[in-house]
Each structure stands twice: as structure tokens, then as C-alpha cells.
N, C-alpha and C. Protein backbone atom coordinates (compact mmCIF):
# COMPACT_ATOMS: atom_id res chain seq x y z
N UNK A 1 119.60 27.71 292.21
CA UNK A 1 119.03 26.66 291.43
C UNK A 1 119.62 27.04 289.81
N UNK A 2 119.73 26.09 289.27
CA UNK A 2 120.59 26.16 287.85
C UNK A 2 119.67 27.00 286.76
N UNK A 3 120.18 27.34 285.87
CA UNK A 3 119.49 27.87 285.10
C UNK A 3 118.63 27.03 284.36
N UNK A 4 119.40 25.61 283.92
CA UNK A 4 118.59 25.00 283.32
C UNK A 4 117.38 24.52 283.73
N UNK A 5 117.56 24.16 285.52
CA UNK A 5 116.19 23.67 285.75
C UNK A 5 115.49 25.07 285.91
N UNK A 6 115.61 26.28 286.48
CA UNK A 6 114.72 27.38 285.99
C UNK A 6 114.07 27.42 284.47
N UNK A 7 114.87 27.32 283.84
CA UNK A 7 114.37 26.95 282.53
C UNK A 7 112.99 25.86 282.38
N UNK A 8 113.37 24.69 282.72
CA UNK A 8 112.88 24.05 282.88
C UNK A 8 111.30 23.88 283.40
N UNK A 9 111.36 24.56 284.71
CA UNK A 9 110.41 24.69 285.47
C UNK A 9 109.39 25.79 284.72
N UNK A 10 110.04 26.91 284.44
CA UNK A 10 109.34 28.04 283.66
C UNK A 10 108.68 27.71 282.05
N UNK A 11 109.29 26.65 281.38
CA UNK A 11 108.66 26.06 280.45
C UNK A 11 107.70 24.76 280.64
N UNK A 12 107.66 24.47 281.55
CA UNK A 12 106.53 23.45 281.88
C UNK A 12 105.26 24.18 282.76
N UNK A 13 105.61 25.34 283.20
CA UNK A 13 104.26 26.32 283.77
C UNK A 13 103.87 26.90 282.19
N UNK A 14 104.61 27.44 281.69
CA UNK A 14 103.77 27.99 280.62
C UNK A 14 103.21 27.17 279.68
N UNK A 15 103.85 25.93 279.33
CA UNK A 15 103.26 24.81 278.77
C UNK A 15 101.61 24.38 279.27
N UNK A 16 101.69 24.29 280.22
CA UNK A 16 100.53 23.44 281.02
C UNK A 16 99.44 24.59 281.40
N UNK A 17 99.78 26.08 281.46
CA UNK A 17 98.97 27.01 281.29
C UNK A 17 98.32 27.12 279.77
N UNK A 18 99.29 26.96 278.89
CA UNK A 18 99.02 27.05 277.60
C UNK A 18 97.57 25.75 276.92
N UNK A 19 97.92 24.49 277.42
CA UNK A 19 97.06 23.71 277.38
C UNK A 19 95.78 23.94 278.11
N UNK A 20 95.91 24.56 279.27
CA UNK A 20 94.34 24.78 280.12
C UNK A 20 93.73 25.86 279.34
N UNK A 21 94.38 27.18 278.68
CA UNK A 21 93.62 28.06 277.92
C UNK A 21 93.05 27.24 276.65
N UNK A 22 93.77 26.39 275.80
CA UNK A 22 93.28 25.76 274.91
C UNK A 22 92.08 24.88 274.89
N UNK A 23 92.45 24.30 276.07
CA UNK A 23 90.84 23.78 276.48
C UNK A 23 89.63 24.14 277.44
N UNK A 24 89.82 25.22 277.63
CA UNK A 24 88.80 25.90 278.25
C UNK A 24 87.42 25.99 277.26
N UNK A 25 86.83 25.68 277.93
CA UNK A 25 85.35 25.79 276.75
C UNK A 25 84.97 24.35 276.48
N UNK A 26 85.73 23.67 276.39
CA UNK A 26 85.35 22.15 276.01
C UNK A 26 84.78 21.02 277.24
N UNK A 27 84.17 20.47 277.19
CA UNK A 27 83.38 19.60 277.71
C UNK A 27 84.10 18.40 278.30
N UNK A 28 84.24 18.17 279.14
CA UNK A 28 84.94 16.97 279.53
C UNK A 28 84.24 15.91 279.85
N UNK A 29 84.60 14.78 279.28
CA UNK A 29 83.86 13.18 279.39
C UNK A 29 84.51 12.64 280.52
N UNK A 30 82.91 12.64 281.21
CA UNK A 30 83.14 11.53 282.45
C UNK A 30 84.00 10.42 282.20
N UNK A 31 85.02 10.11 283.24
CA UNK A 31 85.78 8.68 283.55
C UNK A 31 86.36 8.54 282.24
N UNK A 32 86.73 9.54 281.29
CA UNK A 32 87.64 9.60 280.13
C UNK A 32 89.00 9.71 280.78
N UNK A 33 89.54 8.54 280.01
CA UNK A 33 91.09 8.20 280.68
C UNK A 33 91.97 9.55 280.11
N UNK A 34 92.92 10.34 280.37
CA UNK A 34 93.77 11.26 279.49
C UNK A 34 95.60 10.54 279.53
N UNK A 35 95.79 10.55 278.35
CA UNK A 35 97.14 9.89 278.44
C UNK A 35 98.24 11.18 278.90
N UNK A 36 99.27 10.46 278.91
CA UNK A 36 100.18 10.98 279.93
C UNK A 36 101.05 11.92 278.18
N UNK A 37 101.57 13.18 278.48
CA UNK A 37 102.40 13.93 277.61
C UNK A 37 103.77 14.31 277.58
N UNK A 38 104.63 13.68 276.50
CA UNK A 38 105.92 13.58 276.49
C UNK A 38 106.44 14.90 275.97
N UNK A 39 107.50 15.42 276.75
CA UNK A 39 108.33 16.63 276.21
C UNK A 39 109.99 16.25 276.28
N UNK A 40 110.62 16.72 275.22
CA UNK A 40 112.08 16.53 275.39
C UNK A 40 112.77 17.65 275.13
N UNK A 41 113.75 18.09 276.32
CA UNK A 41 114.23 19.38 276.61
C UNK A 41 115.84 18.85 276.72
N UNK A 42 116.39 18.74 275.39
CA UNK A 42 117.73 18.74 275.06
C UNK A 42 117.84 17.02 275.46
N UNK A 43 118.66 16.83 276.33
CA UNK A 43 118.78 15.14 276.60
C UNK A 43 117.95 14.56 277.51
N UNK A 44 116.79 15.33 277.99
CA UNK A 44 116.09 15.08 279.13
C UNK A 44 114.57 14.79 278.73
N UNK A 45 113.87 13.56 278.97
CA UNK A 45 112.90 13.26 278.57
C UNK A 45 111.84 13.55 280.03
N UNK A 46 110.75 14.67 279.61
CA UNK A 46 109.88 14.72 280.98
C UNK A 46 108.43 14.29 280.28
N UNK A 47 107.66 13.73 281.49
CA UNK A 47 106.35 12.94 280.95
C UNK A 47 105.48 13.57 282.04
N UNK A 48 104.39 14.24 281.80
CA UNK A 48 103.43 14.82 282.55
C UNK A 48 102.01 13.73 282.48
N UNK A 49 101.84 13.06 283.65
CA UNK A 49 100.64 12.66 284.14
C UNK A 49 99.12 13.18 284.58
N UNK A 50 98.67 13.95 283.57
CA UNK A 50 97.38 14.74 283.74
C UNK A 50 96.47 14.27 285.36
N UNK A 51 96.39 12.90 285.67
CA UNK A 51 95.54 12.32 286.12
C UNK A 51 96.11 12.68 287.59
N UNK A 52 97.24 12.41 287.87
CA UNK A 52 98.21 12.52 288.98
C UNK A 52 98.42 13.96 289.20
N UNK A 53 98.60 14.76 288.31
CA UNK A 53 99.18 15.94 288.47
C UNK A 53 100.80 16.19 288.87
N UNK A 54 101.51 15.05 288.06
CA UNK A 54 102.95 15.00 288.39
C UNK A 54 103.55 15.06 287.15
N UNK A 55 104.99 15.65 287.07
CA UNK A 55 105.48 15.82 286.34
C UNK A 55 106.88 14.84 286.31
N UNK A 56 107.03 14.00 285.17
CA UNK A 56 108.31 13.01 285.63
C UNK A 56 109.46 13.53 284.77
N UNK A 57 110.90 13.63 285.46
CA UNK A 57 111.88 14.22 284.58
C UNK A 57 112.74 13.13 284.82
N UNK A 58 113.06 12.44 283.08
CA UNK A 58 114.46 11.28 283.05
C UNK A 58 115.54 11.92 282.56
N UNK A 59 116.72 10.93 283.11
CA UNK A 59 117.88 11.39 282.59
C UNK A 59 118.01 11.54 281.01
N UNK A 60 117.69 10.74 280.37
CA UNK A 60 117.70 10.28 278.81
C UNK A 60 116.41 9.40 278.78
N UNK A 61 116.33 9.51 277.10
CA UNK A 61 115.30 8.69 276.42
C UNK A 61 115.43 7.21 276.73
N UNK A 62 114.84 6.39 277.39
CA UNK A 62 114.92 5.21 277.90
C UNK A 62 115.85 5.25 279.37
N UNK A 63 116.12 6.21 280.10
CA UNK A 63 116.74 6.32 281.05
C UNK A 63 115.66 6.24 282.29
N UNK A 64 116.27 6.52 283.66
CA UNK A 64 115.68 5.88 284.95
C UNK A 64 115.03 7.46 285.20
N UNK A 65 114.03 7.68 286.16
CA UNK A 65 113.56 8.83 286.66
C UNK A 65 114.52 9.37 287.35
N UNK A 66 114.93 10.63 287.35
CA UNK A 66 115.59 11.40 288.29
C UNK A 66 114.66 11.62 289.29
N UNK A 67 113.80 12.92 288.87
CA UNK A 67 112.81 13.50 290.11
C UNK A 67 111.54 13.62 289.53
N UNK A 68 110.45 14.35 290.49
CA UNK A 68 109.31 14.47 290.11
C UNK A 68 108.86 15.52 290.49
N UNK A 69 107.98 16.30 289.75
CA UNK A 69 107.16 17.82 290.42
C UNK A 69 105.89 17.19 290.58
N UNK A 70 105.32 17.38 291.49
CA UNK A 70 103.87 17.42 291.89
C UNK A 70 103.30 18.88 292.00
N UNK A 71 102.24 19.17 290.97
CA UNK A 71 101.66 20.53 290.59
C UNK A 71 100.38 20.35 291.14
N UNK A 72 100.12 21.54 291.86
CA UNK A 72 98.72 21.59 292.66
C UNK A 72 97.74 22.36 292.14
N UNK A 73 97.14 23.27 292.74
CA UNK A 73 96.15 24.04 291.96
C UNK A 73 97.32 25.41 291.04
N UNK A 74 96.42 26.19 290.18
CA UNK A 74 97.22 26.91 289.56
C UNK A 74 97.67 28.26 290.61
N UNK A 75 98.72 28.62 290.44
CA UNK A 75 99.34 29.41 291.77
C UNK A 75 100.04 28.62 292.97
N UNK A 76 99.60 27.56 293.08
CA UNK A 76 99.92 26.92 294.28
C UNK A 76 101.26 26.64 294.12
N UNK A 77 101.61 26.01 295.44
CA UNK A 77 103.45 25.35 295.54
C UNK A 77 103.52 24.04 294.15
N UNK A 78 104.90 23.88 293.79
CA UNK A 78 105.30 23.22 292.94
C UNK A 78 106.23 22.44 293.89
N UNK A 79 106.11 20.91 294.29
CA UNK A 79 107.11 20.36 294.93
C UNK A 79 107.91 19.35 294.33
N UNK A 80 109.23 19.42 294.64
CA UNK A 80 109.93 18.39 293.55
C UNK A 80 110.63 17.43 294.74
N UNK A 81 110.50 16.19 294.18
CA UNK A 81 110.86 15.02 295.14
C UNK A 81 111.66 14.13 294.34
N UNK A 82 112.51 13.09 294.82
CA UNK A 82 113.21 12.28 293.98
C UNK A 82 113.05 11.21 293.81
N UNK A 83 112.87 10.30 292.42
CA UNK A 83 112.41 9.45 292.20
C UNK A 83 113.17 8.17 293.41
N UNK A 84 112.42 6.94 293.44
CA UNK A 84 113.04 6.07 294.35
C UNK A 84 113.41 5.08 293.15
């Protein structure tokens, strides 16, 4: 795996864990829709959709989706799939 991809995955996991720790103890609202969260790494745009537990990676701002990561439970497998 390229260093940039490894850096990206490690950064995403750290950010997700930090978000989970910060939100711990807060009451969840039933039926509340959680908006997507966007990150920019260099020229790549990454958008995380919490309801789908998916991280979409775009080649550039306004570009097309290159690939997506499906996140499962903490410590579980992270699968990568190409966008269609």
C-alpha cells in the first residue's frame, strides 16, 4: 500500500475514534439525521456518511468518487471498494 493511502486510513481511523470519544455520554436523538462530515487531505476530498458507515474519497474538489471504505464495528474489518 502506498504511504499516502496508509496515512489516509490511519488519519481517518484516528479522527473517527476521536469523534467517538468526544460524543461519548451524549444522549442520542431518535430518528435524528446526522449530516455527512467532509475532510480535505491535500487535493483529495473525503466525505464520511455516519448513517452508512462509509467514507467516500474523491479525486479532487468537485471530482468524481474514486473509492469508498466501508467501516464496521471498532476493531472490525475496513473494506475498500471502487466507485462506479
